[in-house]
Amino acid sequence: MATTHPARPARPAQLPAQPGPPEPPAGTIRYWAAAKAAAGTAEEPYTARTLADALATARRRHEDEPEFARVLARCSFLVDGDPVGTRDHSTVQLAEGGTVEVLPPFAGG
């Protein structure tokens, strides 16, 4: 006589853990000339996906230095050595370990 065992309830399939969104890249913002003076530092870290995000964070970080926002509005930028030019800052992607150079207008240059 065959013995029967009660049916075991089906276990839900174990799905692999889904990773969350990757952390934004981290790098360095370097300030030159008037931007350096307005920021009160030569460089500081960023954690941001785009140039727009990095600059927004920098503005908040230096909101107690009113000249900083005015100088930043006149600056040009290099991202990892490449000129940003007139590109929309929200389209300029930043890389892990990257460098953003903040360059105010230079006289006689």
N, C-alpha and C. Protein backbone atom coordinates (compact mmCIF):
# COMPACT_ATOMS: atom_id res chain seq x y z
N MET A 1 0.84 -1.15 0.00
CA MET A 1 0.00 0.00 0.00
C MET A 1 0.90 1.23 0.00
N ALA A 2 0.60 2.11 -0.91
CA ALA A 2 1.39 3.32 -1.02
C ALA A 2 0.91 4.33 0.00
N THR A 3 1.87 5.01 0.58
CA THR A 3 1.47 6.05 1.53
C THR A 3 1.45 7.38 0.81
N THR A 4 0.53 8.16 1.17
CA THR A 4 0.45 9.50 0.57
C THR A 4 0.81 10.52 1.63
N HIS A 5 1.47 11.52 1.17
CA HIS A 5 1.84 12.62 2.07
C HIS A 5 1.00 13.82 1.71
N PRO A 6 0.67 14.60 2.71
CA PRO A 6 -0.11 15.79 2.39
C PRO A 6 0.71 16.71 1.47
N ALA A 7 0.02 17.36 0.60
CA ALA A 7 0.69 18.26 -0.35
C ALA A 7 1.30 19.43 0.42
N ARG A 8 2.51 19.78 0.03
CA ARG A 8 3.17 20.95 0.64
C ARG A 8 2.70 22.20 -0.09
N PRO A 9 2.51 23.25 0.68
CA PRO A 9 2.13 24.49 -0.01
C PRO A 9 3.29 24.96 -0.90
N ALA A 10 2.93 25.49 -2.03
CA ALA A 10 3.96 25.97 -2.96
C ALA A 10 4.63 27.20 -2.36
N ARG A 11 5.95 27.24 -2.49
CA ARG A 11 6.70 28.41 -2.01
C ARG A 11 6.84 29.40 -3.15
N PRO A 12 6.72 30.67 -2.83
CA PRO A 12 6.95 31.64 -3.90
C PRO A 12 8.41 31.58 -4.34
N ALA A 13 8.61 31.74 -5.60
CA ALA A 13 9.98 31.72 -6.13
C ALA A 13 10.76 32.87 -5.53
N GLN A 14 11.99 32.58 -5.15
CA GLN A 14 12.86 33.63 -4.60
C GLN A 14 13.46 34.41 -5.75
N LEU A 15 13.17 35.68 -5.78
CA LEU A 15 13.74 36.54 -6.81
C LEU A 15 15.02 37.16 -6.28
N PRO A 16 15.99 37.33 -7.14
CA PRO A 16 17.21 37.99 -6.67
C PRO A 16 16.89 39.42 -6.24
N ALA A 17 17.58 39.86 -5.23
CA ALA A 17 17.37 41.22 -4.74
C ALA A 17 17.64 42.21 -5.86
N GLN A 18 16.74 43.14 -6.00
CA GLN A 18 16.89 44.17 -7.03
C GLN A 18 17.71 45.32 -6.43
N PRO A 19 18.80 45.66 -7.08
CA PRO A 19 19.59 46.78 -6.54
C PRO A 19 18.82 48.08 -6.72
N GLY A 20 19.04 48.99 -5.80
CA GLY A 20 18.43 50.31 -5.91
C GLY A 20 19.16 51.11 -6.98
N PRO A 21 18.71 52.31 -7.19
CA PRO A 21 19.40 53.13 -8.20
C PRO A 21 20.85 53.36 -7.76
N PRO A 22 21.75 53.38 -8.71
CA PRO A 22 23.16 53.58 -8.33
C PRO A 22 23.36 54.96 -7.71
N GLU A 23 24.33 55.02 -6.83
CA GLU A 23 24.66 56.30 -6.21
C GLU A 23 25.15 57.26 -7.28
N PRO A 24 24.87 58.55 -7.11
CA PRO A 24 25.41 59.52 -8.07
C PRO A 24 26.93 59.52 -8.02
N PRO A 25 27.56 59.82 -9.13
CA PRO A 25 29.02 59.87 -9.15
C PRO A 25 29.55 60.95 -8.20
N ALA A 26 30.75 60.71 -7.72
CA ALA A 26 31.42 61.68 -6.85
C ALA A 26 32.70 62.14 -7.52
N GLY A 27 33.02 63.40 -7.35
CA GLY A 27 34.23 63.95 -7.93
C GLY A 27 34.60 65.25 -7.25
N THR A 28 35.30 66.12 -7.97
CA THR A 28 35.82 67.36 -7.41
C THR A 28 35.43 68.55 -8.26
N ILE A 29 35.00 69.62 -7.60
CA ILE A 29 34.80 70.91 -8.26
C ILE A 29 36.01 71.77 -7.90
N ARG A 30 36.66 72.33 -8.91
CA ARG A 30 37.80 73.23 -8.69
C ARG A 30 37.39 74.63 -9.09
N TYR A 31 37.65 75.57 -8.20
CA TYR A 31 37.33 76.97 -8.44
C TYR A 31 38.60 77.74 -8.76
N TRP A 32 38.52 78.64 -9.72
CA TRP A 32 39.66 79.45 -10.13
C TRP A 32 39.36 80.93 -9.96
N ALA A 33 40.39 81.70 -9.62
CA ALA A 33 40.36 83.17 -9.57
C ALA A 33 39.17 83.68 -8.74
N ALA A 34 38.30 84.50 -9.34
CA ALA A 34 37.19 85.11 -8.60
C ALA A 34 36.23 84.05 -8.05
N ALA A 35 36.08 82.94 -8.73
CA ALA A 35 35.21 81.86 -8.24
C ALA A 35 35.80 81.26 -6.96
N LYS A 36 37.11 81.11 -6.94
CA LYS A 36 37.80 80.60 -5.75
C LYS A 36 37.61 81.57 -4.58
N ALA A 37 37.77 82.86 -4.85
CA ALA A 37 37.59 83.86 -3.79
C ALA A 37 36.15 83.86 -3.27
N ALA A 38 35.18 83.78 -4.17
CA ALA A 38 33.77 83.80 -3.77
C ALA A 38 33.38 82.54 -3.00
N ALA A 39 33.94 81.39 -3.39
CA ALA A 39 33.63 80.14 -2.71
C ALA A 39 34.37 80.02 -1.38
N GLY A 40 35.49 80.73 -1.27
CA GLY A 40 36.30 80.63 -0.06
C GLY A 40 37.09 79.34 0.02
N THR A 41 37.21 78.66 -1.12
CA THR A 41 37.97 77.41 -1.17
C THR A 41 38.42 77.18 -2.61
N ALA A 42 39.50 76.43 -2.76
CA ALA A 42 39.99 76.11 -4.10
C ALA A 42 39.25 74.94 -4.72
N GLU A 43 38.79 74.04 -3.89
CA GLU A 43 38.05 72.88 -4.41
C GLU A 43 37.18 72.28 -3.32
N GLU A 44 36.19 71.50 -3.79
CA GLU A 44 35.30 70.80 -2.88
C GLU A 44 34.70 69.61 -3.62
N PRO A 45 34.19 68.64 -2.89
CA PRO A 45 33.64 67.45 -3.55
C PRO A 45 32.25 67.70 -4.12
N TYR A 46 31.90 66.90 -5.11
CA TYR A 46 30.52 66.87 -5.59
C TYR A 46 30.04 65.43 -5.55
N THR A 47 28.74 65.27 -5.41
CA THR A 47 28.05 64.00 -5.61
C THR A 47 26.83 64.37 -6.43
N ALA A 48 26.89 64.13 -7.73
CA ALA A 48 25.82 64.58 -8.62
C ALA A 48 25.91 63.84 -9.95
N ARG A 49 24.78 63.68 -10.60
CA ARG A 49 24.74 63.02 -11.91
C ARG A 49 25.02 64.00 -13.05
N THR A 50 24.62 65.26 -12.87
CA THR A 50 24.78 66.24 -13.94
C THR A 50 25.48 67.49 -13.42
N LEU A 51 25.98 68.28 -14.35
CA LEU A 51 26.60 69.55 -13.98
C LEU A 51 25.57 70.45 -13.30
N ALA A 52 24.34 70.46 -13.79
CA ALA A 52 23.30 71.29 -13.17
C ALA A 52 23.10 70.91 -11.71
N ASP A 53 23.07 69.61 -11.41
CA ASP A 53 22.90 69.16 -10.03
C ASP A 53 24.09 69.58 -9.16
N ALA A 54 25.30 69.43 -9.69
CA ALA A 54 26.50 69.80 -8.93
C ALA A 54 26.51 71.29 -8.63
N LEU A 55 26.13 72.10 -9.61
CA LEU A 55 26.13 73.55 -9.41
C LEU A 55 25.03 73.98 -8.45
N ALA A 56 23.88 73.32 -8.51
CA ALA A 56 22.79 73.64 -7.57
C ALA A 56 23.22 73.33 -6.14
N THR A 57 23.90 72.21 -5.95
CA THR A 57 24.41 71.87 -4.62
C THR A 57 25.44 72.88 -4.16
N ALA A 58 26.32 73.29 -5.06
CA ALA A 58 27.34 74.29 -4.71
C ALA A 58 26.69 75.61 -4.32
N ARG A 59 25.64 76.02 -5.04
CA ARG A 59 24.94 77.27 -4.69
C ARG A 59 24.35 77.19 -3.29
N ARG A 60 23.72 76.04 -2.98
CA ARG A 60 23.15 75.87 -1.64
C ARG A 60 24.26 75.87 -0.58
N ARG A 61 25.36 75.22 -0.88
CA ARG A 61 26.48 75.13 0.06
C ARG A 61 27.04 76.51 0.38
N HIS A 62 27.00 77.42 -0.60
CA HIS A 62 27.58 78.75 -0.43
C HIS A 62 26.53 79.85 -0.40
N GLU A 63 25.31 79.50 0.02
CA GLU A 63 24.25 80.50 0.01
C GLU A 63 24.52 81.66 0.97
N ASP A 64 25.40 81.47 1.94
CA ASP A 64 25.74 82.56 2.86
C ASP A 64 26.83 83.47 2.29
N GLU A 65 27.28 83.17 1.08
CA GLU A 65 28.28 83.99 0.38
C GLU A 65 27.62 84.55 -0.88
N PRO A 66 26.96 85.71 -0.78
CA PRO A 66 26.14 86.22 -1.89
C PRO A 66 26.89 86.43 -3.19
N GLU A 67 28.16 86.72 -3.13
CA GLU A 67 28.93 86.94 -4.36
C GLU A 67 29.10 85.64 -5.15
N PHE A 68 29.02 84.51 -4.47
CA PHE A 68 29.25 83.23 -5.13
C PHE A 68 28.28 83.01 -6.30
N ALA A 69 27.00 83.18 -6.07
CA ALA A 69 26.00 82.96 -7.13
C ALA A 69 26.22 83.93 -8.29
N ARG A 70 26.57 85.17 -7.99
CA ARG A 70 26.81 86.16 -9.06
C ARG A 70 28.02 85.76 -9.90
N VAL A 71 29.09 85.34 -9.25
CA VAL A 71 30.29 84.92 -9.99
C VAL A 71 29.99 83.67 -10.80
N LEU A 72 29.32 82.70 -10.18
CA LEU A 72 29.02 81.44 -10.86
C LEU A 72 28.22 81.67 -12.14
N ALA A 73 27.32 82.65 -12.13
CA ALA A 73 26.50 82.95 -13.31
C ALA A 73 27.33 83.42 -14.50
N ARG A 74 28.52 83.95 -14.25
CA ARG A 74 29.38 84.46 -15.33
C ARG A 74 30.46 83.46 -15.75
N CYS A 75 30.54 82.34 -15.07
CA CYS A 75 31.64 81.39 -15.31
C CYS A 75 31.39 80.49 -16.51
N SER A 76 32.49 79.97 -17.03
CA SER A 76 32.42 78.87 -17.98
C SER A 76 32.93 77.63 -17.23
N PHE A 77 32.70 76.46 -17.83
CA PHE A 77 32.99 75.22 -17.12
C PHE A 77 33.71 74.23 -18.03
N LEU A 78 34.60 73.49 -17.44
CA LEU A 78 35.21 72.33 -18.08
C LEU A 78 34.80 71.12 -17.26
N VAL A 79 34.39 70.06 -17.93
CA VAL A 79 34.09 68.81 -17.26
C VAL A 79 35.06 67.78 -17.78
N ASP A 80 35.92 67.32 -16.91
CA ASP A 80 36.98 66.38 -17.27
C ASP A 80 37.79 66.89 -18.46
N GLY A 81 38.06 68.21 -18.45
CA GLY A 81 38.89 68.83 -19.47
C GLY A 81 38.16 69.27 -20.72
N ASP A 82 36.89 68.92 -20.86
CA ASP A 82 36.12 69.29 -22.05
C ASP A 82 35.26 70.52 -21.77
N PRO A 83 35.32 71.54 -22.65
CA PRO A 83 34.49 72.73 -22.45
C PRO A 83 33.00 72.40 -22.55
N VAL A 84 32.22 72.95 -21.64
CA VAL A 84 30.77 72.75 -21.65
C VAL A 84 30.13 73.66 -22.70
N GLY A 85 30.67 74.86 -22.84
CA GLY A 85 30.12 75.79 -23.83
C GLY A 85 28.69 76.16 -23.51
N THR A 86 27.84 76.15 -24.54
CA THR A 86 26.44 76.57 -24.37
C THR A 86 25.50 75.40 -24.10
N ARG A 87 26.04 74.20 -23.90
CA ARG A 87 25.17 73.05 -23.62
C ARG A 87 24.37 73.28 -22.33
N ASP A 88 23.16 72.78 -22.33
CA ASP A 88 22.32 72.81 -21.14
C ASP A 88 23.02 72.00 -20.05
N HIS A 89 23.22 72.61 -18.89
CA HIS A 89 23.96 71.95 -17.81
C HIS A 89 23.29 70.67 -17.33
N SER A 90 21.97 70.57 -17.52
CA SER A 90 21.28 69.35 -17.10
C SER A 90 21.56 68.17 -18.04
N THR A 91 22.16 68.43 -19.19
CA THR A 91 22.49 67.35 -20.13
C THR A 91 23.95 66.92 -20.02
N VAL A 92 24.73 67.62 -19.20
CA VAL A 92 26.15 67.32 -19.06
C VAL A 92 26.32 66.32 -17.93
N GLN A 93 26.59 65.06 -18.28
CA GLN A 93 26.73 63.99 -17.29
C GLN A 93 28.09 64.06 -16.61
N LEU A 94 28.11 63.77 -15.32
CA LEU A 94 29.35 63.74 -14.56
C LEU A 94 29.76 62.29 -14.31
N ALA A 95 31.06 62.08 -14.19
CA ALA A 95 31.61 60.73 -14.02
C ALA A 95 32.19 60.56 -12.62
N GLU A 96 32.22 59.33 -12.18
CA GLU A 96 32.88 59.00 -10.92
C GLU A 96 34.35 59.41 -11.01
N GLY A 97 34.81 60.14 -10.01
CA GLY A 97 36.20 60.59 -10.00
C GLY A 97 36.48 61.75 -10.93
N GLY A 98 35.43 62.36 -11.47
CA GLY A 98 35.60 63.44 -12.44
C GLY A 98 35.96 64.77 -11.80
N THR A 99 36.22 65.74 -12.67
CA THR A 99 36.58 67.09 -12.22
C THR A 99 35.78 68.12 -13.00
N VAL A 100 35.19 69.04 -12.27
CA VAL A 100 34.51 70.20 -12.84
C VAL A 100 35.38 71.41 -12.54
N GLU A 101 35.81 72.11 -13.58
CA GLU A 101 36.61 73.33 -13.42
C GLU A 101 35.67 74.52 -13.60
N VAL A 102 35.67 75.44 -12.65
CA VAL A 102 34.82 76.62 -12.68
C VAL A 102 35.72 77.81 -13.00
N LEU A 103 35.52 78.37 -14.20
CA LEU A 103 36.43 79.39 -14.74
C LEU A 103 35.71 80.72 -14.94
N PRO A 104 35.99 81.70 -14.10
CA PRO A 104 35.41 83.02 -14.34
C PRO A 104 36.07 83.67 -15.54
N PRO A 105 35.46 84.71 -16.10
CA PRO A 105 36.11 85.40 -17.23
C PRO A 105 37.47 85.94 -16.79
N PHE A 106 38.45 85.76 -17.64
CA PHE A 106 39.80 86.25 -17.35
C PHE A 106 40.07 87.47 -18.23
N ALA A 107 40.65 88.50 -17.66
CA ALA A 107 41.00 89.69 -18.43
C ALA A 107 42.35 89.48 -19.09
N GLY A 108 42.48 89.94 -20.31
CA GLY A 108 43.76 89.91 -21.01
C GLY A 108 44.23 88.55 -21.42
N GLY A 109 43.35 87.54 -21.36
CA GLY A 109 43.78 86.20 -21.54
C GLY A 109 43.78 85.59 -22.84
